Amino acid sequence: MTFVKTHATRFYAVLVAVLALVAHYVPALPTVLILGVAAAVLGTGEAVQRIEDGKTDAARLAAELGGRHRIQ
């Protein structure tokens, strides 16, 4: 899980790219399934944004503390 949190944006980008390729190359997929996956991808994007915001807040706090403490 640490790997996913560390590289959440990259993981998300690969996931979205794979889903787009599958939707393009498998025309037999029902539209309802594709829309459901698209909704899930949007929710995952929100989670990735929150992880990245947490990293930014931790870095900002570390800078305010003068770099004396490492925040994980």
Protein backbone atom coordinates (compact mmCIF):
# COMPACT_ATOMS: atom_id res chain seq x y z
CA MET A 1 0.00 0.00 0.00
CA THR A 2 2.92 2.34 0.60
CA PHE A 3 3.95 1.98 -3.05
CA VAL A 4 0.50 3.01 -4.22
CA LYS A 5 0.43 6.03 -1.89
CA THR A 6 3.91 7.08 -2.96
CA HIS A 7 3.15 6.78 -6.68
CA ALA A 8 -0.61 7.38 -6.68
CA THR A 9 -0.64 9.76 -9.63
CA ARG A 10 1.44 7.46 -11.83
CA PHE A 11 -0.65 4.45 -10.87
CA TYR A 12 -3.85 6.37 -11.64
CA ALA A 13 -2.53 7.53 -15.04
CA VAL A 14 -1.64 3.98 -16.08
CA LEU A 15 -5.01 2.68 -14.90
CA VAL A 16 -6.92 5.31 -16.88
CA ALA A 17 -4.82 4.68 -19.99
CA VAL A 18 -5.44 0.93 -19.82
CA LEU A 19 -9.17 1.46 -19.31
CA ALA A 20 -9.32 3.79 -22.31
CA LEU A 21 -7.52 1.24 -24.48
CA VAL A 22 -9.85 -1.55 -23.38
CA ALA A 23 -12.91 0.59 -24.09
CA HIS A 24 -11.54 1.40 -27.56
CA TYR A 25 -10.41 -2.06 -28.62
CA VAL A 26 -13.31 -4.05 -27.16
CA PRO A 27 -16.34 -2.58 -28.91
CA ALA A 28 -18.63 -5.30 -27.56
CA LEU A 29 -18.50 -3.83 -24.06
CA PRO A 30 -21.89 -2.44 -22.96
CA THR A 31 -22.12 1.33 -22.67
CA VAL A 32 -23.49 1.01 -19.13
CA LEU A 33 -20.34 -0.84 -18.06
CA ILE A 34 -18.10 1.82 -19.60
CA LEU A 35 -20.04 4.61 -17.86
CA GLY A 36 -19.82 2.78 -14.54
CA VAL A 37 -16.07 2.42 -14.89
CA ALA A 38 -15.80 6.10 -15.85
CA ALA A 39 -17.64 7.06 -12.65
CA ALA A 40 -15.30 4.85 -10.61
CA VAL A 41 -12.28 6.45 -12.29
CA LEU A 42 -13.55 9.90 -11.31
CA GLY A 43 -13.88 8.76 -7.70
CA THR A 44 -10.38 7.31 -7.80
CA GLY A 45 -9.11 10.62 -9.17
CA GLU A 46 -10.54 12.35 -6.11
CA ALA A 47 -8.71 9.92 -3.82
CA VAL A 48 -5.45 10.49 -5.71
CA GLN A 49 -5.91 14.24 -5.37
CA ARG A 50 -6.35 13.91 -1.60
CA ILE A 51 -3.17 11.82 -1.34
CA GLU A 52 -1.21 14.40 -3.31
CA ASP A 53 -2.67 17.22 -1.20
CA GLY A 54 -1.55 15.36 1.92
CA LYS A 55 1.99 15.12 0.55
CA THR A 56 1.97 18.84 -0.22
CA ASP A 57 0.72 19.71 3.26
CA ALA A 58 3.37 17.48 4.86
CA ALA A 59 6.11 19.13 2.79
CA ARG A 60 4.83 22.59 3.69
CA LEU A 61 4.76 21.71 7.38
CA ALA A 62 8.28 20.28 7.18
CA ALA A 63 9.48 23.50 5.54
CA GLU A 64 7.82 25.58 8.26
CA LEU A 65 9.56 23.52 10.92
CA GLY A 66 12.85 24.31 9.26
CA GLY A 67 13.44 20.81 7.98
CA ARG A 68 14.38 19.59 11.48
CA HIS A 69 11.70 16.92 11.51
CA ARG A 70 10.80 14.35 8.91
CA ILE A 71 7.07 13.85 8.49
CA GLN A 72 5.76 10.58 7.04
